[in-house]
Amino acid sequence: MKARNSLLRLKAFQVKEKKRQLQQLQLMMDEFARMSDELMQQIAAEEKRSGISDPAHFAYSTFAKSARQRADNLAVSVADLRQQQAVAEAELAQMEVDYERAAALEMREGPNRKRA
């Protein structure tokens, strides 16, 4: 019976850990979005300062080009994190089902244990 209690605690821990991982993914995506917004503001300011807003122009700011590349890289990272989030959410759903099964088994076995 002790093994079932341990199993229930393990399942609860796994659910809690997966929720924490999902929170971290969301925080990272939010941070990357904030960084990307800041870069876009810097790009707009640089284009306004230089008077050239066409990235294909030969005199386009090197800073604006590199900032635009960093913003693009951040967008790719956010897309990857969204995929990881989708996988983690599916895993969390399965873990919650497993936890509920273990909890139901514990509840069902609880009265039998007291009689023994």
PDB file of N, CA and C in Angstrom:
ATOM      1  N   MET A   1       0.817  -1.195   0.000  1.00  0.00           N
ATOM      2  CA  MET A   1       0.000   0.000   0.000  1.00  0.00           C
ATOM      3  C   MET A   1       0.857   1.254   0.000  1.00  0.00           C
ATOM      4  N   LYS A   2       2.023   1.131   0.617  1.00  0.00           N
ATOM      5  CA  LYS A   2       2.912   2.270   0.648  1.00  0.00           C
ATOM      6  C   LYS A   2       3.374   2.634  -0.766  1.00  0.00           C
ATOM      7  N   ALA A   3       3.487   1.622  -1.594  1.00  0.00           N
ATOM      8  CA  ALA A   3       3.913   1.850  -2.978  1.00  0.00           C
ATOM      9  C   ALA A   3       2.890   2.689  -3.730  1.00  0.00           C
ATOM     10  N   ARG A   4       1.606   2.471  -3.469  1.00  0.00           N
ATOM     11  CA  ARG A   4       0.577   3.264  -4.142  1.00  0.00           C
ATOM     12  C   ARG A   4       0.634   4.718  -3.693  1.00  0.00           C
ATOM     13  N   ASN A   5       0.886   4.926  -2.408  1.00  0.00           N
ATOM     14  CA  ASN A   5       1.011   6.288  -1.899  1.00  0.00           C
ATOM     15  C   ASN A   5       2.212   6.979  -2.545  1.00  0.00           C
ATOM     16  N   SER A   6       3.304   6.240  -2.684  1.00  0.00           N
ATOM     17  CA  SER A   6       4.486   6.782  -3.351  1.00  0.00           C
ATOM     18  C   SER A   6       4.191   7.088  -4.814  1.00  0.00           C
ATOM     19  N   LEU A   7       3.428   6.207  -5.450  1.00  0.00           N
ATOM     20  CA  LEU A   7       3.060   6.422  -6.848  1.00  0.00           C
ATOM     21  C   LEU A   7       2.225   7.695  -6.985  1.00  0.00           C
ATOM     22  N   LEU A   8       1.297   7.892  -6.057  1.00  0.00           N
ATOM     23  CA  LEU A   8       0.461   9.090  -6.092  1.00  0.00           C
ATOM     24  C   LEU A   8       1.310  10.345  -5.914  1.00  0.00           C
ATOM     25  N   ARG A   9       2.242  10.299  -4.991  1.00  0.00           N
ATOM     26  CA  ARG A   9       3.131  11.460  -4.786  1.00  0.00           C
ATOM     27  C   ARG A   9       4.001  11.705  -6.004  1.00  0.00           C
ATOM     28  N   LEU A  10       4.486  10.641  -6.628  1.00  0.00           N
ATOM     29  CA  LEU A  10       5.300  10.767  -7.838  1.00  0.00           C
ATOM     30  C   LEU A  10       4.502  11.420  -8.953  1.00  0.00           C
ATOM     31  N   LYS A  11       3.280  10.962  -9.150  1.00  0.00           N
ATOM     32  CA  LYS A  11       2.431  11.534 -10.205  1.00  0.00           C
ATOM     33  C   LYS A  11       2.139  13.003  -9.920  1.00  0.00           C
ATOM     34  N   ALA A  12       1.881  13.342  -8.656  1.00  0.00           N
ATOM     35  CA  ALA A  12       1.630  14.740  -8.294  1.00  0.00           C
ATOM     36  C   ALA A  12       2.865  15.591  -8.567  1.00  0.00           C
ATOM     37  N   PHE A  13       4.044  15.055  -8.254  1.00  0.00           N
ATOM     38  CA  PHE A  13       5.282  15.773  -8.512  1.00  0.00           C
ATOM     39  C   PHE A  13       5.484  15.996 -10.003  1.00  0.00           C
ATOM     40  N   GLN A  14       5.213  14.966 -10.802  1.00  0.00           N
ATOM     41  CA  GLN A  14       5.390  15.087 -12.251  1.00  0.00           C
ATOM     42  C   GLN A  14       4.462  16.150 -12.829  1.00  0.00           C
ATOM     43  N   VAL A  15       3.227  16.198 -12.359  1.00  0.00           N
ATOM     44  CA  VAL A  15       2.276  17.208 -12.844  1.00  0.00           C
ATOM     45  C   VAL A  15       2.771  18.601 -12.464  1.00  0.00           C
ATOM     46  N   LYS A  16       3.201  18.744 -11.222  1.00  0.00           N
ATOM     47  CA  LYS A  16       3.687  20.050 -10.750  1.00  0.00           C
ATOM     48  C   LYS A  16       4.918  20.497 -11.543  1.00  0.00           C
ATOM     49  N   GLU A  17       5.829  19.581 -11.791  1.00  0.00           N
ATOM     50  CA  GLU A  17       7.047  19.902 -12.541  1.00  0.00           C
ATOM     51  C   GLU A  17       6.727  20.297 -13.985  1.00  0.00           C
ATOM     52  N   LYS A  18       5.796  19.603 -14.619  1.00  0.00           N
ATOM     53  CA  LYS A  18       5.433  19.932 -15.998  1.00  0.00           C
ATOM     54  C   LYS A  18       4.765  21.299 -16.061  1.00  0.00           C
ATOM     55  N   LYS A  19       3.951  21.629 -15.066  1.00  0.00           N
ATOM     56  CA  LYS A  19       3.333  22.963 -15.016  1.00  0.00           C
ATOM     57  C   LYS A  19       4.397  24.039 -14.859  1.00  0.00           C
ATOM     58  N   ARG A  20       5.429  23.751 -14.053  1.00  0.00           N
ATOM     59  CA  ARG A  20       6.526  24.700 -13.884  1.00  0.00           C
ATOM     60  C   ARG A  20       7.272  24.899 -15.199  1.00  0.00           C
ATOM     61  N   GLN A  21       7.492  23.818 -15.928  1.00  0.00           N
ATOM     62  CA  GLN A  21       8.168  23.918 -17.222  1.00  0.00           C
ATOM     63  C   GLN A  21       7.343  24.748 -18.204  1.00  0.00           C
ATOM     64  N   LEU A  22       6.031  24.564 -18.177  1.00  0.00           N
ATOM     65  CA  LEU A  22       5.163  25.355 -19.051  1.00  0.00           C
ATOM     66  C   LEU A  22       5.234  26.832 -18.690  1.00  0.00           C
ATOM     67  N   GLN A  23       5.295  27.137 -17.410  1.00  0.00           N
ATOM     68  CA  GLN A  23       5.424  28.529 -16.986  1.00  0.00           C
ATOM     69  C   GLN A  23       6.736  29.123 -17.477  1.00  0.00           C
ATOM     70  N   GLN A  24       7.814  28.352 -17.386  1.00  0.00           N
ATOM     71  CA  GLN A  24       9.112  28.827 -17.860  1.00  0.00           C
ATOM     72  C   GLN A  24       9.088  29.086 -19.362  1.00  0.00           C
ATOM     73  N   LEU A  25       8.459  28.198 -20.110  1.00  0.00           N
ATOM     74  CA  LEU A  25       8.353  28.403 -21.555  1.00  0.00           C
ATOM     75  C   LEU A  25       7.594  29.689 -21.857  1.00  0.00           C
ATOM     76  N   GLN A  26       6.500  29.909 -21.134  1.00  0.00           N
ATOM     77  CA  GLN A  26       5.703  31.111 -21.359  1.00  0.00           C
ATOM     78  C   GLN A  26       6.506  32.368 -21.009  1.00  0.00           C
ATOM     79  N   LEU A  27       7.251  32.324 -19.910  1.00  0.00           N
ATOM     80  CA  LEU A  27       8.086  33.464 -19.528  1.00  0.00           C
ATOM     81  C   LEU A  27       9.148  33.750 -20.593  1.00  0.00           C
ATOM     82  N   MET A  28       9.749  32.698 -21.130  1.00  0.00           N
ATOM     83  CA  MET A  28      10.757  32.879 -22.175  1.00  0.00           C
ATOM     84  C   MET A  28      10.136  33.492 -23.422  1.00  0.00           C
ATOM     85  N   MET A  29       8.955  33.013 -23.810  1.00  0.00           N
ATOM     86  CA  MET A  29       8.299  33.569 -24.995  1.00  0.00           C
ATOM     87  C   MET A  29       7.941  35.035 -24.778  1.00  0.00           C
ATOM     88  N   ASP A  30       7.465  35.362 -23.595  1.00  0.00           N
ATOM     89  CA  ASP A  30       7.141  36.758 -23.287  1.00  0.00           C
ATOM     90  C   ASP A  30       8.384  37.639 -23.328  1.00  0.00           C
ATOM     91  N   GLU A  31       9.477  37.136 -22.778  1.00  0.00           N
ATOM     92  CA  GLU A  31      10.731  37.895 -22.769  1.00  0.00           C
ATOM     93  C   GLU A  31      11.257  38.096 -24.194  1.00  0.00           C
ATOM     94  N   PHE A  32      11.195  37.052 -25.007  1.00  0.00           N
ATOM     95  CA  PHE A  32      11.641  37.185 -26.393  1.00  0.00           C
ATOM     96  C   PHE A  32      10.772  38.170 -27.162  1.00  0.00           C
ATOM     97  N   ALA A  33       9.475  38.166 -26.903  1.00  0.00           N
ATOM     98  CA  ALA A  33       8.580  39.110 -27.573  1.00  0.00           C
ATOM     99  C   ALA A  33       8.914  40.539 -27.152  1.00  0.00           C
ATOM    100  N   ARG A  34       9.201  40.729 -25.876  1.00  0.00           N
ATOM    101  CA  ARG A  34       9.573  42.062 -25.386  1.00  0.00           C
ATOM    102  C   ARG A  34      10.882  42.523 -26.041  1.00  0.00           C
ATOM    103  N   MET A  35      11.854  41.621 -26.112  1.00  0.00           N
ATOM    104  CA  MET A  35      13.133  41.964 -26.732  1.00  0.00           C
ATOM    105  C   MET A  35      12.940  42.306 -28.209  1.00  0.00           C
ATOM    106  N   SER A  36      12.100  41.555 -28.881  1.00  0.00           N
ATOM    107  CA  SER A  36      11.830  41.805 -30.292  1.00  0.00           C
ATOM    108  C   SER A  36      11.168  43.175 -30.484  1.00  0.00           C
ATOM    109  N   ASP A  37      10.227  43.510 -29.608  1.00  0.00           N
ATOM    110  CA  ASP A  37       9.580  44.824 -29.686  1.00  0.00           C
ATOM    111  C   ASP A  37      10.592  45.951 -29.503  1.00  0.00           C
ATOM    112  N   GLU A  38      11.506  45.770 -28.538  1.00  0.00           N
ATOM    113  CA  GLU A  38      12.541  46.774 -28.324  1.00  0.00           C
ATOM    114  C   GLU A  38      13.432  46.923 -29.551  1.00  0.00           C
ATOM    115  N   LEU A  39      13.779  45.810 -30.164  1.00  0.00           N
ATOM    116  CA  LEU A  39      14.603  45.862 -31.370  1.00  0.00           C
ATOM    117  C   LEU A  39      13.878  46.583 -32.501  1.00  0.00           C
ATOM    118  N   MET A  40      12.584  46.314 -32.654  1.00  0.00           N
ATOM    119  CA  MET A  40      11.826  46.981 -33.714  1.00  0.00           C
ATOM    120  C   MET A  40      11.764  48.493 -33.466  1.00  0.00           C
ATOM    121  N   GLN A  41      11.661  48.883 -32.213  1.00  0.00           N
ATOM    122  CA  GLN A  41      11.672  50.316 -31.899  1.00  0.00           C
ATOM    123  C   GLN A  41      13.032  50.922 -32.237  1.00  0.00           C
ATOM    124  N   GLN A  42      14.095  50.206 -31.922  1.00  0.00           N
ATOM    125  CA  GLN A  42      15.435  50.695 -32.246  1.00  0.00           C
ATOM    126  C   GLN A  42      15.630  50.781 -33.756  1.00  0.00           C
ATOM    127  N   ILE A  43      15.104  49.810 -34.481  1.00  0.00           N
ATOM    128  CA  ILE A  43      15.207  49.822 -35.941  1.00  0.00           C
ATOM    129  C   ILE A  43      14.472  51.038 -36.494  1.00  0.00           C
ATOM    130  N   ALA A  44      13.262  51.282 -36.009  1.00  0.00           N
ATOM    131  CA  ALA A  44      12.479  52.427 -36.479  1.00  0.00           C
ATOM    132  C   ALA A  44      13.211  53.733 -36.187  1.00  0.00           C
ATOM    133  N   ALA A  45      13.809  53.833 -35.015  1.00  0.00           N
ATOM    134  CA  ALA A  45      14.548  55.050 -34.664  1.00  0.00           C
ATOM    135  C   ALA A  45      15.767  55.225 -35.565  1.00  0.00           C
ATOM    136  N   GLU A  46      16.467  54.140 -35.839  1.00  0.00           N
ATOM    137  CA  GLU A  46      17.654  54.209 -36.705  1.00  0.00           C
ATOM    138  C   GLU A  46      17.264  54.576 -38.138  1.00  0.00           C
ATOM    139  N   GLU A  47      16.158  54.004 -38.623  1.00  0.00           N
ATOM    140  CA  GLU A  47      15.703  54.343 -39.970  1.00  0.00           C
ATOM    141  C   GLU A  47      15.285  55.806 -40.046  1.00  0.00           C
ATOM    142  N   LYS A  48      14.643  56.284 -39.014  1.00  0.00           N
ATOM    143  CA  LYS A  48      14.243  57.691 -38.994  1.00  0.00           C
ATOM    144  C   LYS A  48      15.472  58.595 -38.960  1.00  0.00           C
ATOM    145  N   ARG A  49      16.467  58.214 -38.160  1.00  0.00           N
ATOM    146  CA  ARG A  49      17.681  59.011 -38.047  1.00  0.00           C
ATOM    147  C   ARG A  49      18.439  59.057 -39.368  1.00  0.00           C
ATOM    148  N   SER A  50      18.540  57.895 -40.033  1.00  0.00           N
ATOM    149  CA  SER A  50      19.314  57.846 -41.272  1.00  0.00           C
ATOM    150  C   SER A  50      18.496  58.289 -42.487  1.00  0.00           C
ATOM    151  N   GLY A  51      17.177  58.222 -42.385  1.00  0.00           N
ATOM    152  CA  GLY A  51      16.322  58.612 -43.503  1.00  0.00           C
ATOM    153  C   GLY A  51      16.168  57.518 -44.547  1.00  0.00           C
ATOM    154  N   ILE A  52      16.688  56.342 -44.288  1.00  0.00           N
ATOM    155  CA  ILE A  52      16.595  55.229 -45.237  1.00  0.00           C
ATOM    156  C   ILE A  52      15.878  54.073 -44.539  1.00  0.00           C
ATOM    157  N   SER A  53      14.734  53.683 -45.097  1.00  0.00           N
ATOM    158  CA  SER A  53      13.962  52.620 -44.461  1.00  0.00           C
ATOM    159  C   SER A  53      13.886  51.354 -45.318  1.00  0.00           C
ATOM    160  N   ASP A  54      14.553  51.330 -46.435  1.00  0.00           N
ATOM    161  CA  ASP A  54      14.557  50.163 -47.318  1.00  0.00           C
ATOM    162  C   ASP A  54      15.777  49.294 -46.993  1.00  0.00           C
ATOM    163  N   PRO A  55      15.570  48.088 -46.461  1.00  0.00           N
ATOM    164  CA  PRO A  55      16.715  47.232 -46.120  1.00  0.00           C
ATOM    165  C   PRO A  55      17.565  46.841 -47.333  1.00  0.00           C
ATOM    166  N   ALA A  56      17.011  46.922 -48.530  1.00  0.00           N
ATOM    167  CA  ALA A  56      17.770  46.570 -49.726  1.00  0.00           C
ATOM    168  C   ALA A  56      18.631  47.738 -50.228  1.00  0.00           C
ATOM    169  N   HIS A  57      18.446  48.918 -49.674  1.00  0.00           N
ATOM    170  CA  HIS A  57      19.217  50.092 -50.103  1.00  0.00           C
ATOM    171  C   HIS A  57      20.683  49.900 -49.704  1.00  0.00           C
ATOM    172  N   PHE A  58      21.597  50.332 -50.582  1.00  0.00           N
ATOM    173  CA  PHE A  58      23.021  50.120 -50.333  1.00  0.00           C
ATOM    174  C   PHE A  58      23.532  50.869 -49.111  1.00  0.00           C
ATOM    175  N   ALA A  59      22.863  51.964 -48.726  1.00  0.00           N
ATOM    176  CA  ALA A  59      23.318  52.756 -47.587  1.00  0.00           C
ATOM    177  C   ALA A  59      22.489  52.495 -46.325  1.00  0.00           C
ATOM    178  N   TYR A  60      21.737  51.404 -46.332  1.00  0.00           N
ATOM    179  CA  TYR A  60      20.914  51.078 -45.158  1.00  0.00           C
ATOM    180  C   TYR A  60      21.819  50.808 -43.961  1.00  0.00           C
ATOM    181  N   SER A  61      21.391  51.243 -42.813  1.00  0.00           N
ATOM    182  CA  SER A  61      22.189  51.159 -41.594  1.00  0.00           C
ATOM    183  C   SER A  61      22.573  49.717 -41.254  1.00  0.00           C
ATOM    184  N   THR A  62      23.848  49.535 -40.968  1.00  0.00           N
ATOM    185  CA  THR A  62      24.343  48.223 -40.561  1.00  0.00           C
ATOM    186  C   THR A  62      23.717  47.806 -39.233  1.00  0.00           C
ATOM    187  N   PHE A  63      23.557  48.762 -38.328  1.00  0.00           N
ATOM    188  CA  PHE A  63      22.925  48.469 -37.048  1.00  0.00           C
ATOM    189  C   PHE A  63      21.498  47.979 -37.255  1.00  0.00           C
ATOM    190  N   ALA A  64      20.758  48.644 -38.137  1.00  0.00           N
ATOM    191  CA  ALA A  64      19.372  48.257 -38.391  1.00  0.00           C
ATOM    192  C   ALA A  64      19.310  46.861 -39.015  1.00  0.00           C
ATOM    193  N   LYS A  65      20.261  46.567 -39.915  1.00  0.00           N
ATOM    194  CA  LYS A  65      20.298  45.226 -40.519  1.00  0.00           C
ATOM    195  C   LYS A  65      20.518  44.152 -39.449  1.00  0.00           C
ATOM    196  N   SER A  66      21.506  44.387 -38.585  1.00  0.00           N
ATOM    197  CA  SER A  66      21.806  43.371 -37.569  1.00  0.00           C
ATOM    198  C   SER A  66      20.675  43.275 -36.544  1.00  0.00           C
ATOM    199  N   ALA A  67      20.057  44.390 -36.202  1.00  0.00           N
ATOM    200  CA  ALA A  67      18.933  44.361 -35.268  1.00  0.00           C
ATOM    201  C   ALA A  67      17.749  43.628 -35.885  1.00  0.00           C
ATOM    202  N   ARG A  68      17.524  43.832 -37.162  1.00  0.00           N
ATOM    203  CA  ARG A  68      16.434  43.135 -37.846  1.00  0.00           C
ATOM    204  C   ARG A  68      16.709  41.618 -37.865  1.00  0.00           C
ATOM    205  N   GLN A  69      17.961  41.231 -38.072  1.00  0.00           N
ATOM    206  CA  GLN A  69      18.329  39.814 -38.058  1.00  0.00           C
ATOM    207  C   GLN A  69      18.114  39.220 -36.665  1.00  0.00           C
ATOM    208  N   ARG A  70      18.479  39.958 -35.624  1.00  0.00           N
ATOM    209  CA  ARG A  70      18.257  39.471 -34.253  1.00  0.00           C
ATOM    210  C   ARG A  70      16.768  39.311 -33.975  1.00  0.00           C
ATOM    211  N   ALA A  71      15.961  40.269 -34.445  1.00  0.00           N
ATOM    212  CA  ALA A  71      14.509  40.176 -34.253  1.00  0.00           C
ATOM    213  C   ALA A  71      13.952  38.953 -34.981  1.00  0.00           C
ATOM    214  N   ASP A  72      14.462  38.693 -36.180  1.00  0.00           N
ATOM    215  CA  ASP A  72      14.033  37.499 -36.918  1.00  0.00           C
ATOM    216  C   ASP A  72      14.421  36.222 -36.175  1.00  0.00           C
ATOM    217  N   ASN A  73      15.632  36.207 -35.620  1.00  0.00           N
ATOM    218  CA  ASN A  73      16.082  35.040 -34.855  1.00  0.00           C
ATOM    219  C   ASN A  73      15.201  34.827 -33.622  1.00  0.00           C
ATOM    220  N   LEU A  74      14.814  35.915 -32.983  1.00  0.00           N
ATOM    221  CA  LEU A  74      13.926  35.802 -31.823  1.00  0.00           C
ATOM    222  C   LEU A  74      12.566  35.241 -32.232  1.00  0.00           C
ATOM    223  N   ALA A  75      12.075  35.643 -33.389  1.00  0.00           N
ATOM    224  CA  ALA A  75      10.791  35.132 -33.868  1.00  0.00           C
ATOM    225  C   ALA A  75      10.871  33.624 -34.123  1.00  0.00           C
ATOM    226  N   VAL A  76      11.990  33.169 -34.667  1.00  0.00           N
ATOM    227  CA  VAL A  76      12.190  31.733 -34.892  1.00  0.00           C
ATOM    228  C   VAL A  76      12.241  30.997 -33.547  1.00  0.00           C
ATOM    229  N   SER A  77      12.920  31.599 -32.581  1.00  0.00           N
ATOM    230  CA  SER A  77      13.003  30.990 -31.253  1.00  0.00           C
ATOM    231  C   SER A  77      11.628  30.886 -30.608  1.00  0.00           C
ATOM    232  N   VAL A  78      10.815  31.916 -30.759  1.00  0.00           N
ATOM    233  CA  VAL A  78       9.462  31.893 -30.198  1.00  0.00           C
ATOM    234  C   VAL A  78       8.639  30.794 -30.865  1.00  0.00           C
ATOM    235  N   ALA A  79       8.791  30.632 -32.158  1.00  0.00           N
ATOM    236  CA  ALA A  79       8.063  29.566 -32.860  1.00  0.00           C
ATOM    237  C   ALA A  79       8.479  28.186 -32.340  1.00  0.00           C
ATOM    238  N   ASP A  80       9.775  28.007 -32.113  1.00  0.00           N
ATOM    239  CA  ASP A  80      10.255  26.740 -31.554  1.00  0.00           C
ATOM    240  C   ASP A  80       9.699  26.515 -30.148  1.00  0.00           C
ATOM    241  N   LEU A  81       9.675  27.576 -29.354  1.00  0.00           N
ATOM    242  CA  LEU A  81       9.145  27.463 -27.996  1.00  0.00           C
ATOM    243  C   LEU A  81       7.655  27.138 -28.009  1.00  0.00           C
ATOM    244  N   ARG A  82       6.931  27.662 -28.981  1.00  0.00           N
ATOM    245  CA  ARG A  82       5.496  27.343 -29.089  1.00  0.00           C
ATOM    246  C   ARG A  82       5.299  25.852 -29.383  1.00  0.00           C
ATOM    247  N   GLN A  83       6.173  25.298 -30.218  1.00  0.00           N
ATOM    248  CA  GLN A  83       6.096  23.862 -30.494  1.00  0.00           C
ATOM    249  C   GLN A  83       6.394  23.059 -29.227  1.00  0.00           C
ATOM    250  N   GLN A  84       7.411  23.479 -28.495  1.00  0.00           N
ATOM    251  CA  GLN A  84       7.736  22.813 -27.235  1.00  0.00           C
ATOM    252  C   GLN A  84       6.577  22.925 -26.249  1.00  0.00           C
ATOM    253  N   GLN A  85       5.921  24.078 -26.254  1.00  0.00           N
ATOM    254  CA  GLN A  85       4.789  24.289 -25.356  1.00  0.00           C
ATOM    255  C   GLN A  85       3.639  23.342 -25.712  1.00  0.00           C
ATOM    256  N   ALA A  86       3.378  23.176 -26.988  1.00  0.00           N
ATOM    257  CA  ALA A  86       2.304  22.279 -27.413  1.00  0.00           C
ATOM    258  C   ALA A  86       2.595  20.845 -26.974  1.00  0.00           C
ATOM    259  N   VAL A  87       3.833  20.413 -27.130  1.00  0.00           N
ATOM    260  CA  VAL A  87       4.219  19.068 -26.709  1.00  0.00           C
ATOM    261  C   VAL A  87       4.091  18.931 -25.192  1.00  0.00           C
ATOM    262  N   ALA A  88       4.562  19.948 -24.464  1.00  0.00           N
ATOM    263  CA  ALA A  88       4.496  19.907 -23.000  1.00  0.00           C
ATOM    264  C   ALA A  88       3.054  19.909 -22.506  1.00  0.00           C
ATOM    265  N   GLU A  89       2.177  20.641 -23.186  1.00  0.00           N
ATOM    266  CA  GLU A  89       0.770  20.658 -22.783  1.00  0.00           C
ATOM    267  C   GLU A  89       0.128  19.286 -23.001  1.00  0.00           C
ATOM    268  N   ALA A  90       0.489  18.620 -24.080  1.00  0.00           N
ATOM    269  CA  ALA A  90      -0.029  17.268 -24.322  1.00  0.00           C
ATOM    270  C   ALA A  90       0.492  16.303 -23.258  1.00  0.00           C
ATOM    271  N   GLU A  91       1.774  16.440 -22.911  1.00  0.00           N
ATOM    272  CA  GLU A  91       2.340  15.594 -21.870  1.00  0.00           C
ATOM    273  C   GLU A  91       1.676  15.866 -20.530  1.00  0.00           C
ATOM    274  N   LEU A  92       1.403  17.141 -20.246  1.00  0.00           N
ATOM    275  CA  LEU A  92       0.738  17.502 -18.996  1.00  0.00           C
ATOM    276  C   LEU A  92      -0.653  16.894 -18.924  1.00  0.00           C
ATOM    277  N   ALA A  93      -1.376  16.942 -20.016  1.00  0.00           N
ATOM    278  CA  ALA A  93      -2.717  16.359 -20.038  1.00  0.00           C
ATOM    279  C   ALA A  93      -2.653  14.865 -19.721  1.00  0.00           C
ATOM    280  N   GLN A  94      -1.678  14.162 -20.305  1.00  0.00           N
ATOM    281  CA  GLN A  94      -1.528  12.733 -20.033  1.00  0.00           C
ATOM    282  C   GLN A  94      -1.129  12.502 -18.580  1.00  0.00           C
ATOM    283  N   MET A  95      -0.243  13.332 -18.056  1.00  0.00           N
ATOM    284  CA  MET A  95       0.190  13.189 -16.662  1.00  0.00           C
ATOM    285  C   MET A  95      -0.968  13.428 -15.696  1.00  0.00           C
ATOM    286  N   GLU A  96      -1.822  14.385 -16.030  1.00  0.00           N
ATOM    287  CA  GLU A  96      -2.978  14.649 -15.175  1.00  0.00           C
ATOM    288  C   GLU A  96      -3.943  13.469 -15.186  1.00  0.00           C
ATOM    289  N   VAL A  97      -4.111  12.840 -16.345  1.00  0.00           N
ATOM    290  CA  VAL A  97      -4.955  11.643 -16.428  1.00  0.00           C
ATOM    291  C   VAL A  97      -4.352  10.531 -15.569  1.00  0.00           C
ATOM    292  N   ASP A  98      -3.031  10.344 -15.676  1.00  0.00           N
ATOM    293  CA  ASP A  98      -2.358   9.320 -14.871  1.00  0.00           C
ATOM    294  C   ASP A  98      -2.501   9.610 -13.379  1.00  0.00           C
ATOM    295  N   TYR A  99      -2.387  10.880 -13.010  1.00  0.00           N
ATOM    296  CA  TYR A  99      -2.536  11.266 -11.607  1.00  0.00           C
ATOM    297  C   TYR A  99      -3.954  10.972 -11.120  1.00  0.00           C
ATOM    298  N   GLU A 100      -4.937  11.308 -11.931  1.00  0.00           N
ATOM    299  CA  GLU A 100      -6.328  11.049 -11.537  1.00  0.00           C
ATOM    300  C   GLU A 100      -6.579   9.548 -11.368  1.00  0.00           C
ATOM    301  N   ARG A 101      -6.003   8.749 -12.242  1.00  0.00           N
ATOM    302  CA  ARG A 101      -6.146   7.294 -12.114  1.00  0.00           C
ATOM    303  C   ARG A 101      -5.515   6.800 -10.809  1.00  0.00           C
ATOM    304  N   ALA A 102      -4.316   7.305 -10.521  1.00  0.00           N
ATOM    305  CA  ALA A 102      -3.635   6.893  -9.297  1.00  0.00           C
ATOM    306  C   ALA A 102      -4.417   7.353  -8.067  1.00  0.00           C
ATOM    307  N   ALA A 103      -4.975   8.545  -8.115  1.00  0.00           N
ATOM    308  CA  ALA A 103      -5.764   9.059  -6.995  1.00  0.00           C
ATOM    309  C   ALA A 103      -7.038   8.233  -6.818  1.00  0.00           C
ATOM    310  N   ALA A 104      -7.677   7.871  -7.920  1.00  0.00           N
ATOM    311  CA  ALA A 104      -8.879   7.059  -7.836  1.00  0.00           C
ATOM    312  C   ALA A 104      -8.558   5.677  -7.272  1.00  0.00           C
ATOM    313  N   LEU A 105      -7.448   5.119  -7.682  1.00  0.00           N
ATOM    314  CA  LEU A 105      -7.028   3.823  -7.162  1.00  0.00           C
ATOM    315  C   LEU A 105      -6.744   3.914  -5.665  1.00  0.00           C
ATOM    316  N   GLU A 106      -6.100   4.979  -5.256  1.00  0.00           N
ATOM    317  CA  GLU A 106      -5.802   5.198  -3.838  1.00  0.00           C
ATOM    318  C   GLU A 106      -7.097   5.322  -3.039  1.00  0.00           C
ATOM    319  N   MET A 107      -8.072   6.043  -3.564  1.00  0.00           N
ATOM    320  CA  MET A 107      -9.351   6.213  -2.869  1.00  0.00           C
ATOM    321  C   MET A 107     -10.091   4.881  -2.792  1.00  0.00           C
ATOM    322  N   ARG A 108     -10.032   4.109  -3.847  1.00  0.00           N
ATOM    323  CA  ARG A 108     -10.714   2.822  -3.877  1.00  0.00           C
ATOM    324  C   ARG A 108     -10.059   1.837  -2.920  1.00  0.00           C
ATOM    325  N   GLU A 109      -8.743   1.881  -2.845  1.00  0.00           N
ATOM    326  CA  GLU A 109      -8.009   0.956  -1.997  1.00  0.00           C
ATOM    327  C   GLU A 109      -7.971   1.413  -0.547  1.00  0.00           C
ATOM    328  N   GLY A 110      -8.244   2.670  -0.279  1.00  0.00           N
ATOM    329  CA  GLY A 110      -8.198   3.219   1.080  1.00  0.00           C
ATOM    330  C   GLY A 110      -9.057   2.467   2.072  1.00  0.00           C
ATOM    331  N   PRO A 111     -10.364   2.269   1.822  1.00  0.00           N
ATOM    332  CA  PRO A 111     -11.214   1.542   2.778  1.00  0.00           C
ATOM    333  C   PRO A 111     -10.783   0.089   2.961  1.00  0.00           C
ATOM    334  N   ASN A 112     -10.298  -0.547   1.920  1.00  0.00           N
ATOM    335  CA  ASN A 112      -9.833  -1.937   2.031  1.00  0.00           C
ATOM    336  C   ASN A 112      -8.604  -2.041   2.921  1.00  0.00           C
ATOM    337  N   ARG A 113      -7.771  -1.041   2.869  1.00  0.00           N
ATOM    338  CA  ARG A 113      -6.566  -1.041   3.659  1.00  0.00           C
ATOM    339  C   ARG A 113      -6.896  -0.950   5.153  1.00  0.00           C
ATOM    340  N   LYS A 114      -7.897  -0.162   5.495  1.00  0.00           N
ATOM    341  CA  LYS A 114      -8.244   0.006   6.908  1.00  0.00           C
ATOM    342  C   LYS A 114      -8.796  -1.281   7.497  1.00  0.00           C
ATOM    343  N   ARG A 115      -9.479  -2.065   6.710  1.00  0.00           N
ATOM    344  CA  ARG A 115     -10.042  -3.325   7.201  1.00  0.00           C
ATOM    345  C   ARG A 115      -8.967  -4.375   7.447  1.00  0.00           C
ATOM    346  N   ALA A 116      -7.925  -4.336   6.657  1.00  0.00           N
ATOM    347  CA  ALA A 116      -6.896  -5.376   6.743  1.00  0.00           C
ATOM    348  C   ALA A 116      -6.056  -5.280   7.986  1.00  0.00           C
TER     349      ALA A 116
END
